[in-house]
Protein backbone atom coordinates (compact mmCIF):
# COMPACT_ATOMS: atom_id res chain seq x y z
CA MET A 1 136.62 -83.14 -10.10
CA ALA A 2 138.50 -84.14 -6.95
CA ASN A 3 142.08 -85.36 -6.93
CA ALA A 4 142.79 -88.48 -4.89
CA ILE A 5 145.96 -90.04 -3.48
CA ASN A 6 146.82 -93.24 -1.63
CA ILE A 7 149.57 -92.93 0.97
CA LYS A 8 151.36 -95.89 2.55
CA SER A 9 153.17 -94.98 5.73
CA ILE A 10 154.66 -96.25 8.95
CA ASP A 11 151.92 -96.84 11.51
CA LYS A 12 152.72 -94.19 14.12
CA PRO A 13 150.99 -91.18 15.67
CA GLY A 14 151.20 -87.82 13.90
CA VAL A 15 151.49 -88.96 10.27
CA LEU A 16 148.01 -87.79 9.30
CA ARG A 17 148.55 -84.44 11.04
CA LYS A 18 151.84 -83.93 9.21
CA VAL A 19 150.19 -84.56 5.83
CA THR A 20 147.16 -82.38 6.54
CA ASP A 21 149.33 -79.52 7.86
CA PHE A 22 151.28 -79.58 4.61
CA LEU A 23 148.10 -79.51 2.52
CA ALA A 24 146.72 -76.65 4.62
CA GLN A 25 149.89 -74.62 4.02
CA LYS A 26 149.36 -75.14 0.28
CA ASN A 27 145.71 -73.98 0.71
CA ILE A 28 144.45 -77.35 -0.52
CA ASN A 29 140.96 -78.28 0.70
CA ILE A 30 140.47 -81.91 1.78
CA VAL A 31 137.00 -83.14 0.79
CA TYR A 32 137.25 -86.75 2.00
CA THR A 33 139.71 -89.02 3.79
CA HIS A 34 139.90 -92.35 5.55
CA MET A 35 142.64 -94.43 7.18
CA TYR A 36 143.16 -98.12 7.76
CA GLY A 37 145.91 -100.52 8.73
CA ASP A 38 146.95 -103.55 6.67
CA THR A 39 148.09 -107.02 7.75
CA THR A 40 151.77 -106.06 7.46
CA GLY A 41 151.55 -103.41 10.17
CA ASN A 42 151.64 -100.41 7.84
CA ALA A 43 149.05 -97.63 7.65
CA HIS A 44 147.22 -96.36 4.60
CA ILE A 45 145.71 -92.91 4.10
CA TYR A 46 143.28 -92.23 1.27
CA MET A 47 142.55 -88.58 0.52
CA GLU A 48 140.45 -86.61 -1.91
CA PHE A 49 140.89 -82.87 -2.30
CA ASP A 50 139.97 -80.05 -4.65
CA GLU A 51 141.79 -79.45 -7.89
CA VAL A 52 145.37 -78.23 -7.52
CA GLY A 53 147.71 -76.68 -10.05
CA SER A 54 150.30 -79.45 -9.98
CA LEU A 55 149.34 -82.70 -8.30
CA GLY A 56 152.75 -84.17 -9.14
CA ASP A 57 154.53 -81.53 -7.07
CA VAL A 58 152.24 -82.21 -4.10
CA ILE A 59 152.91 -85.95 -4.32
CA ASN A 60 156.67 -85.41 -4.54
CA GLU A 61 156.69 -83.14 -1.47
CA ILE A 62 154.65 -85.58 0.66
CA ASN A 63 156.84 -88.47 -0.49
CA LYS A 64 159.85 -86.74 1.12
CA PHE A 65 158.43 -87.22 4.62
CA PRO A 66 160.46 -89.90 6.45
CA GLU A 67 157.29 -91.73 7.59
CA ILE A 68 156.04 -92.19 4.03
CA ILE A 69 156.70 -95.55 2.37
CA GLY A 70 154.94 -94.77 -0.91
CA ILE A 71 152.32 -92.54 -2.49
CA ASP A 72 150.28 -92.91 -5.66
CA GLN A 73 147.67 -90.89 -7.47
CA SER A 74 144.28 -92.59 -7.53
CA PRO A 75 140.89 -92.03 -9.15
CA SER A 76 138.34 -90.72 -6.67
CA MET A 77 135.72 -92.95 -5.06
CA ASP A 78 133.10 -91.11 -7.02
CA GLN A 79 134.84 -91.97 -10.28
CA VAL A 80 135.20 -95.65 -9.38
CA TRP A 81 132.19 -96.53 -7.21
CA GLY A 82 129.93 -93.57 -7.93
CA LYS A 83 126.65 -92.98 -6.14
CA ARG A 84 125.68 -95.53 -3.54
CA ILE A 85 122.47 -97.41 -2.82
CA ILE A 86 122.30 -99.00 0.64
CA ILE A 87 119.84 -101.86 1.26
CA ILE A 88 119.14 -102.96 4.85
CA GLY A 89 116.67 -105.50 6.21
CA GLY A 90 115.64 -109.14 6.07
CA GLY A 91 117.74 -111.38 3.86
CA ALA A 92 114.95 -112.56 1.54
CA GLN A 93 113.65 -109.04 0.91
CA VAL A 94 117.15 -107.54 0.64
CA SER A 95 118.08 -110.03 -2.08
CA GLN A 96 115.04 -109.10 -4.16
CA VAL A 97 115.63 -105.35 -3.79
CA ALA A 98 119.27 -105.92 -4.75
CA LEU A 99 118.13 -107.83 -7.83
CA GLY A 100 116.16 -104.82 -9.07
CA ALA A 101 118.83 -102.29 -8.09
CA ILE A 102 121.75 -104.13 -9.67
CA THR A 103 119.82 -104.82 -12.87
CA GLU A 104 118.83 -101.16 -13.18
CA ALA A 105 122.31 -99.89 -12.22
CA ASP A 106 123.78 -102.01 -15.02
CA ARG A 107 121.69 -100.16 -17.60
CA HIS A 108 122.85 -96.76 -16.35
CA ASN A 109 126.49 -97.71 -15.81
CA ILE A 110 126.70 -98.86 -19.42
CA ARG A 111 125.73 -95.31 -20.38
CA GLY A 112 128.52 -93.76 -18.33
CA GLU A 113 127.00 -93.57 -14.84
CA ARG A 114 128.72 -95.03 -11.77
CA ILE A 115 126.21 -96.46 -9.30
CA SER A 116 127.07 -99.14 -6.72
CA VAL A 117 124.84 -101.21 -4.47
CA ASP A 118 125.70 -102.20 -0.87
CA THR A 119 123.59 -104.63 1.17
CA ILE A 120 123.45 -106.03 4.67
CA PRO A 121 120.82 -108.49 5.98
CA LEU A 122 119.91 -107.69 9.59
CA ALA A 123 117.16 -108.52 12.07
CA GLY A 124 116.21 -106.80 15.31
CA GLU A 125 115.14 -103.24 16.06
CA GLN A 126 118.37 -102.14 17.74
CA LYS A 127 120.65 -103.56 15.03
CA LEU A 128 118.54 -102.03 12.27
CA ALA A 129 118.42 -98.63 13.98
CA GLU A 130 122.22 -98.65 14.42
CA ALA A 131 122.73 -99.58 10.77
CA VAL A 132 120.38 -96.84 9.58
CA ARG A 133 122.19 -94.21 11.69
CA ALA A 134 125.56 -95.44 10.40
CA VAL A 135 124.45 -94.62 6.85
CA GLY A 136 125.00 -90.97 7.76
CA GLY A 137 128.72 -91.69 8.17
CA LEU A 138 129.08 -93.18 4.70
CA SER A 139 130.06 -91.06 1.72
CA ARG A 140 128.14 -90.68 -1.54
CA VAL A 141 124.96 -92.40 -0.27
CA GLY A 142 121.96 -91.29 -2.30
CA VAL A 143 119.21 -93.69 -1.24
CA LEU A 144 118.60 -96.08 1.65
CA VAL A 145 116.15 -98.91 1.02
CA LEU A 146 114.54 -100.61 4.02
CA ALA A 147 113.49 -104.13 3.07
CA GLY A 148 111.56 -106.18 5.58
CA SER A 149 108.15 -107.20 6.85
CA LEU A 150 108.07 -105.31 10.18
CA MET A 151 109.96 -102.15 11.17
CA GLY A 152 109.21 -99.35 13.59
CA GLY A 153 110.19 -97.95 17.00
CA SER A 154 113.71 -96.53 17.19
CA ILE A 155 114.25 -97.26 13.49
CA VAL A 156 111.87 -94.40 12.75
CA ASP A 157 114.01 -91.97 14.77
CA ALA A 158 117.11 -93.10 12.88
CA ILE A 159 115.34 -92.54 9.54
CA ASP A 160 114.37 -89.00 10.50
CA GLU A 161 117.95 -88.26 11.55
CA ILE A 162 119.62 -89.30 8.30
CA LYS A 163 116.95 -87.55 6.24
CA ASP A 164 117.23 -84.27 8.14
CA ASN A 165 121.00 -84.25 8.74
CA TYR A 166 122.38 -85.87 5.59
CA GLY A 167 119.66 -85.52 2.94
CA VAL A 168 119.48 -89.26 2.29
CA LYS A 169 116.31 -90.40 0.53
CA VAL A 170 114.57 -93.39 2.12
CA ILE A 171 112.51 -95.98 0.26
CA SER A 172 110.58 -98.56 2.25
CA LEU A 173 108.84 -101.74 1.26
CA ASN A 174 105.16 -101.89 2.07
CA MET A 175 105.41 -103.53 5.49
CA VAL A 176 103.85 -103.60 8.94
CA GLY A 177 105.05 -100.82 11.25
CA SER A 178 105.52 -97.06 11.32
CA VAL A 179 108.52 -96.95 8.95
CA ARG A 180 106.19 -96.48 5.98
CA ASP A 181 104.96 -93.14 7.39
CA HIS A 182 108.50 -91.73 7.51
CA ALA A 183 109.88 -92.96 4.20
CA ASP A 184 110.01 -90.77 1.09
CA LEU A 185 108.49 -93.55 -0.98
CA VAL A 186 106.73 -96.85 -0.20
CA VAL A 187 106.80 -99.58 -2.84
CA THR A 188 105.06 -102.94 -2.69
CA ASP A 189 107.27 -104.96 -5.03
CA PRO A 190 110.88 -105.31 -3.73
CA VAL A 191 112.34 -105.60 -7.23
CA GLN A 192 110.63 -102.35 -8.26
CA ALA A 193 111.90 -100.72 -5.05
CA GLY A 194 115.46 -101.48 -6.14
CA VAL A 195 114.80 -100.12 -9.61
CA MET A 196 113.35 -96.87 -8.24
CA ALA A 197 116.25 -96.44 -5.82
CA VAL A 198 118.68 -96.41 -8.74
CA MET A 199 116.44 -94.16 -10.82
CA THR A 200 116.37 -91.68 -7.94
CA VAL A 201 120.14 -91.10 -8.05
CA ALA A 202 120.83 -91.70 -11.74
CA SER A 203 121.58 -88.68 -13.89
CA THR A 204 120.47 -90.64 -16.95
CA ALA A 205 116.98 -91.27 -15.50
CA LYS A 206 114.00 -88.94 -15.40
CA PHE A 207 112.50 -89.71 -12.00
CA ASP A 208 111.99 -87.27 -9.13
CA ILE A 209 111.17 -88.99 -5.86
CA ASP A 210 110.11 -85.67 -4.32
CA ARG A 211 107.21 -85.45 -6.77
CA VAL A 212 105.80 -88.78 -5.68
CA ASN A 213 103.52 -88.18 -2.70
CA GLU A 214 101.64 -91.43 -2.43
CA THR A 215 102.30 -95.13 -2.01
CA LEU A 216 102.92 -96.90 -5.29
CA TRP A 217 100.83 -100.03 -5.69
CA PHE A 218 101.88 -102.10 -8.65
CA PHE A 219 99.40 -104.22 -10.55
CA TYR A 220 99.60 -107.64 -8.98
CA PHE A 221 100.40 -109.66 -12.08
CA PHE A 222 103.56 -107.64 -12.69
CA SER A 223 105.06 -108.77 -9.39
CA LYS A 224 107.55 -111.61 -9.22
CA GLY A 225 105.02 -114.06 -7.81
CA PHE A 226 102.74 -114.15 -10.82
CA SER A 227 103.33 -115.53 -14.29
CA TYR A 228 102.24 -114.18 -17.63
CA ASN A 229 99.79 -117.07 -17.85
CA LEU A 230 98.07 -115.77 -14.74
CA MET A 231 97.97 -112.30 -16.26
CA TYR A 232 96.26 -113.63 -19.37
CA SER A 233 93.92 -115.67 -17.17
CA PHE A 234 93.01 -112.49 -15.31
CA ILE A 235 92.27 -110.68 -18.56
CA ASP A 236 90.25 -113.59 -19.93
CA SER A 237 88.22 -114.07 -16.76
CA LEU A 238 87.42 -110.44 -15.97
CA VAL A 239 88.17 -108.05 -18.83
CA VAL A 240 86.71 -110.12 -21.67
CA PRO A 241 83.39 -110.87 -19.89
CA THR A 242 83.07 -107.18 -19.02
CA ILE A 243 83.44 -106.27 -22.69
CA ARG A 244 80.94 -108.94 -23.66
CA LEU A 245 78.44 -107.65 -21.10
CA TYR A 246 78.81 -104.14 -22.51
CA VAL A 247 78.19 -105.47 -26.02
CA PHE A 248 75.16 -107.38 -24.76
CA VAL A 249 73.60 -104.29 -23.17
CA LEU A 250 74.34 -102.29 -26.30
CA SER A 251 72.74 -104.98 -28.46
CA LEU A 252 69.57 -104.90 -26.33
CA TRP A 253 69.29 -101.20 -26.93
CA VAL A 254 69.87 -101.57 -30.66
CA THR A 255 67.42 -104.44 -31.03
CA SER A 256 64.76 -103.07 -28.68
CA SER A 257 62.51 -102.32 -31.66
CA HIS A 258 63.03 -105.81 -33.13
CA THR A 259 61.39 -109.13 -32.40
CA PRO A 260 62.04 -111.21 -29.26
CA ASP A 261 63.87 -113.71 -31.47
CA ALA A 262 66.43 -111.06 -32.37
CA ILE A 263 66.99 -110.26 -28.70
CA THR A 264 67.36 -113.94 -27.89
CA SER A 265 69.87 -114.29 -30.72
CA SER A 266 71.84 -111.29 -29.45
CA LEU A 267 71.85 -112.73 -25.92
CA PHE A 268 73.23 -116.02 -27.19
CA LEU A 269 76.04 -114.30 -29.09
CA THR A 270 77.26 -112.03 -26.28
CA ILE A 271 76.98 -113.92 -23.01
CA PRO A 272 80.22 -115.80 -22.23
CA VAL A 273 80.00 -119.55 -21.86
C-alpha cells in the first residue's frame, strides 16, 4: 500500500526538485504526484510513494526545508476515491449512465470497495475526442463510458489510443456512428451501461468484460421507458395466446379419434377471446 503526503510550501521554482532529490537519495520510489496553487498564493504538492521503513522520519526531514510551510501524512487517492469510472457524452445520456453507476457503486462500497464516478456532459467531435484522450492522463481510471446518440470520426482514434496505451476499458451506448465498433462493450440501456462499468472494475463482482464479445441487447420491458404494467401486457398479449394455441393443437391431436363435437368443445376452450 502506498504512503501519501501533502506538502504546503512557498510558491517558487525548485521546491518539487528539492523534495524529489531527497526522496531519491533515500531510494524512495514516487508512484504518483500532482501540484496545485491555492488562493493564498501558496503551493501544494501531493505525493504517493512505496512503503518506507519510517514515514515519520521522512516527513520530519522534508519539514526542515526552508520552503516548506507544513507537511501531513494522508491516505492515498486509491484508499479514499478508489477506482474511477469516467462518463462522457450528452447530458441526458450521461445522467442515466451515472444513475446506474452510482447505484451499483454504492452496493460495492458498502462491502469495502472504493469506486468513484466522474462525469462531464460534452457535445462536438473535437471536444469529445480531447476529453477521451485526456482520460489517459488521469490516475486509477478503470472504465470510460461514452454516452450519446452519435459519435465517430476522431473520437474513434482517441478511443484506440487510451485502450492501447493505458489499458482503459471502453463501454459505449448503442448509438449511431463508428464508436460502437471500437468499444469493448456496447449496451443499449444507459442505466445498465453504468452498472456494468462498475462491475467491470469491482473486486466484489464476478464480471469479465473481456469474455463478452457481442452487443448486449436487453429485453425492452426492463428498460427505463417501460413499466411493469406494459411487461404484463406483453406477456398477456403474446405469451399466453401462444400457450393457448399450443394447447389447442395438442387437444386436436388427442381428440382426433373423438366426435366433431369434442373437437368443437376443445376449440372453444383453448382459443383466446
